[in-house]
Amino acid sequence: MKKKYRIKKNDDFQLVFKKGKSFANRQFVVYKLKREDSNHFRIGLSVSKKNWKRCLSKPD
């Protein structure tokens, strides 16, 4: 994925968390925020501290 499509800065994540809409199921929470000044979407992934070690571990 090209760098211009990534969300990496904390300020960008906070903006999406505060002003965006969320959709949730048992595994994920997805936030979206429509930006009028952009004609492409950007993606960022966030993992809670509780689940961080599970994300890095190898599957059995």
PDB file of N, CA and C in Angstrom:
ATOM      1  N   MET A   1       0.836  -1.165   0.000  1.00  0.00           N
ATOM      2  CA  MET A   1       0.000   0.000   0.000  1.00  0.00           C
ATOM      3  C   MET A   1       0.889   1.239   0.000  1.00  0.00           C
ATOM      4  N   LYS A   2       0.537   2.214  -0.817  1.00  0.00           N
ATOM      5  CA  LYS A   2       1.320   3.441  -0.890  1.00  0.00           C
ATOM      6  C   LYS A   2       1.194   4.234   0.411  1.00  0.00           C
ATOM      7  N   LYS A   3       2.248   4.971   0.741  1.00  0.00           N
ATOM      8  CA  LYS A   3       2.282   5.709   2.002  1.00  0.00           C
ATOM      9  C   LYS A   3       1.182   6.756   2.106  1.00  0.00           C
ATOM     10  N   LYS A   4       0.774   7.330   0.977  1.00  0.00           N
ATOM     11  CA  LYS A   4      -0.255   8.368   1.042  1.00  0.00           C
ATOM     12  C   LYS A   4      -1.616   7.811   1.451  1.00  0.00           C
ATOM     13  N   TYR A   5      -1.785   6.497   1.411  1.00  0.00           N
ATOM     14  CA  TYR A   5      -3.043   5.865   1.790  1.00  0.00           C
ATOM     15  C   TYR A   5      -3.043   5.365   3.233  1.00  0.00           C
ATOM     16  N   ARG A   6      -1.960   5.555   3.953  1.00  0.00           N
ATOM     17  CA  ARG A   6      -1.853   5.051   5.323  1.00  0.00           C
ATOM     18  C   ARG A   6      -2.159   6.150   6.333  1.00  0.00           C
ATOM     19  N   ILE A   7      -2.775   5.758   7.425  1.00  0.00           N
ATOM     20  CA  ILE A   7      -2.935   6.652   8.570  1.00  0.00           C
ATOM     21  C   ILE A   7      -1.929   6.182   9.607  1.00  0.00           C
ATOM     22  N   LYS A   8      -0.991   7.060   9.965  1.00  0.00           N
ATOM     23  CA  LYS A   8       0.043   6.671  10.913  1.00  0.00           C
ATOM     24  C   LYS A   8       0.154   7.636  12.088  1.00  0.00           C
ATOM     25  N   LYS A   9      -0.245   8.871  11.898  1.00  0.00           N
ATOM     26  CA  LYS A   9      -0.084   9.870  12.954  1.00  0.00           C
ATOM     27  C   LYS A   9      -1.204   9.765  13.982  1.00  0.00           C
ATOM     28  N   ASN A  10      -0.840   9.950  15.236  1.00  0.00           N
ATOM     29  CA  ASN A  10      -1.805   9.882  16.325  1.00  0.00           C
ATOM     30  C   ASN A  10      -2.915  10.917  16.143  1.00  0.00           C
ATOM     31  N   ASP A  11      -2.573  12.112  15.681  1.00  0.00           N
ATOM     32  CA  ASP A  11      -3.583  13.155  15.475  1.00  0.00           C
ATOM     33  C   ASP A  11      -4.626  12.731  14.447  1.00  0.00           C
ATOM     34  N   ASP A  12      -4.202  12.042  13.401  1.00  0.00           N
ATOM     35  CA  ASP A  12      -5.138  11.563  12.381  1.00  0.00           C
ATOM     36  C   ASP A  12      -6.079  10.510  12.956  1.00  0.00           C
ATOM     37  N   PHE A  13      -5.541   9.591  13.756  1.00  0.00           N
ATOM     38  CA  PHE A  13      -6.384   8.585  14.404  1.00  0.00           C
ATOM     39  C   PHE A  13      -7.389   9.252  15.344  1.00  0.00           C
ATOM     40  N   GLN A  14      -6.931  10.202  16.137  1.00  0.00           N
ATOM     41  CA  GLN A  14      -7.820  10.873  17.087  1.00  0.00           C
ATOM     42  C   GLN A  14      -8.957  11.596  16.372  1.00  0.00           C
ATOM     43  N   LEU A  15      -8.679  12.207  15.231  1.00  0.00           N
ATOM     44  CA  LEU A  15      -9.712  12.884  14.452  1.00  0.00           C
ATOM     45  C   LEU A  15     -10.782  11.899  13.998  1.00  0.00           C
ATOM     46  N   VAL A  16     -10.362  10.749  13.509  1.00  0.00           N
ATOM     47  CA  VAL A  16     -11.315   9.732  13.056  1.00  0.00           C
ATOM     48  C   VAL A  16     -12.112   9.186  14.237  1.00  0.00           C
ATOM     49  N   PHE A  17     -11.459   8.938  15.373  1.00  0.00           N
ATOM     50  CA  PHE A  17     -12.159   8.428  16.553  1.00  0.00           C
ATOM     51  C   PHE A  17     -13.208   9.426  17.050  1.00  0.00           C
ATOM     52  N   LYS A  18     -12.873  10.717  17.037  1.00  0.00           N
ATOM     53  CA  LYS A  18     -13.777  11.728  17.583  1.00  0.00           C
ATOM     54  C   LYS A  18     -14.908  12.095  16.629  1.00  0.00           C
ATOM     55  N   LYS A  19     -14.599  12.279  15.352  1.00  0.00           N
ATOM     56  CA  LYS A  19     -15.592  12.813  14.419  1.00  0.00           C
ATOM     57  C   LYS A  19     -16.183  11.780  13.474  1.00  0.00           C
ATOM     58  N   GLY A  20     -15.607  10.595  13.441  1.00  0.00           N
ATOM     59  CA  GLY A  20     -16.081   9.574  12.515  1.00  0.00           C
ATOM     60  C   GLY A  20     -17.222   8.748  13.077  1.00  0.00           C
ATOM     61  N   LYS A  21     -17.773   7.906  12.232  1.00  0.00           N
ATOM     62  CA  LYS A  21     -18.815   6.963  12.637  1.00  0.00           C
ATOM     63  C   LYS A  21     -18.171   5.604  12.845  1.00  0.00           C
ATOM     64  N   SER A  22     -18.759   4.802  13.743  1.00  0.00           N
ATOM     65  CA  SER A  22     -18.186   3.486  14.014  1.00  0.00           C
ATOM     66  C   SER A  22     -19.199   2.384  13.742  1.00  0.00           C
ATOM     67  N   PHE A  23     -18.673   1.243  13.355  1.00  0.00           N
ATOM     68  CA  PHE A  23     -19.441   0.031  13.112  1.00  0.00           C
ATOM     69  C   PHE A  23     -18.691  -1.092  13.809  1.00  0.00           C
ATOM     70  N   ALA A  24     -19.413  -1.940  14.531  1.00  0.00           N
ATOM     71  CA  ALA A  24     -18.730  -2.957  15.329  1.00  0.00           C
ATOM     72  C   ALA A  24     -19.385  -4.320  15.187  1.00  0.00           C
ATOM     73  N   ASN A  25     -18.543  -5.344  15.347  1.00  0.00           N
ATOM     74  CA  ASN A  25     -19.022  -6.711  15.527  1.00  0.00           C
ATOM     75  C   ASN A  25     -18.165  -7.324  16.631  1.00  0.00           C
ATOM     76  N   ARG A  26     -18.165  -8.625  16.760  1.00  0.00           N
ATOM     77  CA  ARG A  26     -17.422  -9.251  17.863  1.00  0.00           C
ATOM     78  C   ARG A  26     -15.914  -9.160  17.694  1.00  0.00           C
ATOM     79  N   GLN A  27     -15.420  -9.077  16.473  1.00  0.00           N
ATOM     80  CA  GLN A  27     -13.980  -9.076  16.243  1.00  0.00           C
ATOM     81  C   GLN A  27     -13.385  -7.682  16.013  1.00  0.00           C
ATOM     82  N   PHE A  28     -14.138  -6.784  15.402  1.00  0.00           N
ATOM     83  CA  PHE A  28     -13.582  -5.507  14.958  1.00  0.00           C
ATOM     84  C   PHE A  28     -14.497  -4.344  15.304  1.00  0.00           C
ATOM     85  N   VAL A  29     -13.872  -3.185  15.389  1.00  0.00           N
ATOM     86  CA  VAL A  29     -14.590  -1.916  15.362  1.00  0.00           C
ATOM     87  C   VAL A  29     -13.988  -1.146  14.195  1.00  0.00           C
ATOM     88  N   VAL A  30     -14.825  -0.700  13.284  1.00  0.00           N
ATOM     89  CA  VAL A  30     -14.366   0.041  12.108  1.00  0.00           C
ATOM     90  C   VAL A  30     -14.866   1.472  12.233  1.00  0.00           C
ATOM     91  N   TYR A  31     -13.963   2.426  12.059  1.00  0.00           N
ATOM     92  CA  TYR A  31     -14.312   3.837  12.076  1.00  0.00           C
ATOM     93  C   TYR A  31     -14.159   4.384  10.670  1.00  0.00           C
ATOM     94  N   LYS A  32     -15.070   5.290  10.287  1.00  0.00           N
ATOM     95  CA  LYS A  32     -14.936   5.933   8.986  1.00  0.00           C
ATOM     96  C   LYS A  32     -15.213   7.413   9.136  1.00  0.00           C
ATOM     97  N   LEU A  33     -14.529   8.198   8.327  1.00  0.00           N
ATOM     98  CA  LEU A  33     -14.711   9.643   8.323  1.00  0.00           C
ATOM     99  C   LEU A  33     -14.574  10.116   6.890  1.00  0.00           C
ATOM    100  N   LYS A  34     -15.624  10.677   6.352  1.00  0.00           N
ATOM    101  CA  LYS A  34     -15.603  11.172   4.974  1.00  0.00           C
ATOM    102  C   LYS A  34     -14.865  12.497   4.942  1.00  0.00           C
ATOM    103  N   ARG A  35     -13.920  12.605   4.034  1.00  0.00           N
ATOM    104  CA  ARG A  35     -13.146  13.828   3.860  1.00  0.00           C
ATOM    105  C   ARG A  35     -13.474  14.422   2.503  1.00  0.00           C
ATOM    106  N   GLU A  36     -13.968  15.630   2.492  1.00  0.00           N
ATOM    107  CA  GLU A  36     -14.344  16.295   1.241  1.00  0.00           C
ATOM    108  C   GLU A  36     -13.119  16.721   0.434  1.00  0.00           C
ATOM    109  N   ASP A  37     -11.987  16.904   1.101  1.00  0.00           N
ATOM    110  CA  ASP A  37     -10.783  17.380   0.413  1.00  0.00           C
ATOM    111  C   ASP A  37      -9.957  16.254  -0.208  1.00  0.00           C
ATOM    112  N   SER A  38     -10.454  15.024  -0.164  1.00  0.00           N
ATOM    113  CA  SER A  38      -9.692  13.890  -0.679  1.00  0.00           C
ATOM    114  C   SER A  38     -10.582  13.010  -1.541  1.00  0.00           C
ATOM    115  N   ASN A  39     -10.016  12.486  -2.627  1.00  0.00           N
ATOM    116  CA  ASN A  39     -10.793  11.611  -3.500  1.00  0.00           C
ATOM    117  C   ASN A  39     -10.377  10.148  -3.356  1.00  0.00           C
ATOM    118  N   HIS A  40      -9.603   9.821  -2.335  1.00  0.00           N
ATOM    119  CA  HIS A  40      -9.240   8.433  -2.054  1.00  0.00           C
ATOM    120  C   HIS A  40      -9.410   8.175  -0.552  1.00  0.00           C
ATOM    121  N   PHE A  41      -9.466   6.924  -0.185  1.00  0.00           N
ATOM    122  CA  PHE A  41      -9.597   6.598   1.230  1.00  0.00           C
ATOM    123  C   PHE A  41      -8.231   6.261   1.802  1.00  0.00           C
ATOM    124  N   ARG A  42      -8.124   6.368   3.124  1.00  0.00           N
ATOM    125  CA  ARG A  42      -6.900   6.015   3.833  1.00  0.00           C
ATOM    126  C   ARG A  42      -7.241   4.968   4.869  1.00  0.00           C
ATOM    127  N   ILE A  43      -6.268   4.139   5.212  1.00  0.00           N
ATOM    128  CA  ILE A  43      -6.477   3.046   6.166  1.00  0.00           C
ATOM    129  C   ILE A  43      -5.431   3.114   7.271  1.00  0.00           C
ATOM    130  N   GLY A  44      -5.880   2.844   8.482  1.00  0.00           N
ATOM    131  CA  GLY A  44      -4.990   2.699   9.622  1.00  0.00           C
ATOM    132  C   GLY A  44      -5.494   1.566  10.492  1.00  0.00           C
ATOM    133  N   LEU A  45      -4.584   0.826  11.077  1.00  0.00           N
ATOM    134  CA  LEU A  45      -4.953  -0.278  11.967  1.00  0.00           C
ATOM    135  C   LEU A  45      -4.490   0.051  13.376  1.00  0.00           C
ATOM    136  N   SER A  46      -5.351  -0.234  14.323  1.00  0.00           N
ATOM    137  CA  SER A  46      -5.042  -0.001  15.723  1.00  0.00           C
ATOM    138  C   SER A  46      -5.352  -1.276  16.498  1.00  0.00           C
ATOM    139  N   VAL A  47      -4.429  -1.682  17.365  1.00  0.00           N
ATOM    140  CA  VAL A  47      -4.604  -2.892  18.168  1.00  0.00           C
ATOM    141  C   VAL A  47      -4.485  -2.494  19.631  1.00  0.00           C
ATOM    142  N   SER A  48      -5.409  -2.970  20.459  1.00  0.00           N
ATOM    143  CA  SER A  48      -5.367  -2.637  21.881  1.00  0.00           C
ATOM    144  C   SER A  48      -4.147  -3.283  22.541  1.00  0.00           C
ATOM    145  N   LYS A  49      -3.697  -2.702  23.638  1.00  0.00           N
ATOM    146  CA  LYS A  49      -2.567  -3.271  24.372  1.00  0.00           C
ATOM    147  C   LYS A  49      -2.881  -4.679  24.849  1.00  0.00           C
ATOM    148  N   LYS A  50      -4.140  -4.910  25.177  1.00  0.00           N
ATOM    149  CA  LYS A  50      -4.578  -6.222  25.650  1.00  0.00           C
ATOM    150  C   LYS A  50      -4.330  -7.303  24.597  1.00  0.00           C
ATOM    151  N   ASN A  51      -4.512  -6.981  23.333  1.00  0.00           N
ATOM    152  CA  ASN A  51      -4.388  -7.962  22.252  1.00  0.00           C
ATOM    153  C   ASN A  51      -3.069  -7.890  21.494  1.00  0.00           C
ATOM    154  N   TRP A  52      -2.173  -6.995  21.863  1.00  0.00           N
ATOM    155  CA  TRP A  52      -0.942  -6.786  21.105  1.00  0.00           C
ATOM    156  C   TRP A  52      -0.089  -8.053  21.012  1.00  0.00           C
ATOM    157  N   LYS A  53       0.104  -8.759  22.113  1.00  0.00           N
ATOM    158  CA  LYS A  53       0.946  -9.962  22.093  1.00  0.00           C
ATOM    159  C   LYS A  53       0.336 -11.047  21.221  1.00  0.00           C
ATOM    160  N   ARG A  54      -0.986 -11.147  21.215  1.00  0.00           N
ATOM    161  CA  ARG A  54      -1.642 -12.139  20.360  1.00  0.00           C
ATOM    162  C   ARG A  54      -1.431 -11.827  18.886  1.00  0.00           C
ATOM    163  N   CYS A  55      -1.360 -10.565  18.542  1.00  0.00           N
ATOM    164  CA  CYS A  55      -1.144 -10.185  17.140  1.00  0.00           C
ATOM    165  C   CYS A  55       0.247 -10.572  16.668  1.00  0.00           C
ATOM    166  N   LEU A  56       1.204 -10.547  17.565  1.00  0.00           N
ATOM    167  CA  LEU A  56       2.584 -10.829  17.194  1.00  0.00           C
ATOM    168  C   LEU A  56       2.951 -12.300  17.298  1.00  0.00           C
ATOM    169  N   SER A  57       2.157 -13.078  18.004  1.00  0.00           N
ATOM    170  CA  SER A  57       2.505 -14.486  18.195  1.00  0.00           C
ATOM    171  C   SER A  57       2.217 -15.303  16.944  1.00  0.00           C
ATOM    172  N   LYS A  58       2.956 -16.387  16.806  1.00  0.00           N
ATOM    173  CA  LYS A  58       2.763 -17.288  15.670  1.00  0.00           C
ATOM    174  C   LYS A  58       1.577 -18.206  15.943  1.00  0.00           C
ATOM    175  N   PRO A  59       0.787 -18.511  14.925  1.00  0.00           N
ATOM    176  CA  PRO A  59      -0.329 -19.438  15.147  1.00  0.00           C
ATOM    177  C   PRO A  59       0.175 -20.851  15.426  1.00  0.00           C
ATOM    178  N   ASP A  60      -0.606 -21.617  16.155  1.00  0.00           N
ATOM    179  CA  ASP A  60      -0.226 -23.002  16.490  1.00  0.00           C
ATOM    180  C   ASP A  60      -0.356 -23.917  15.307  1.00  0.00           C
TER     181      ASP A  60
END
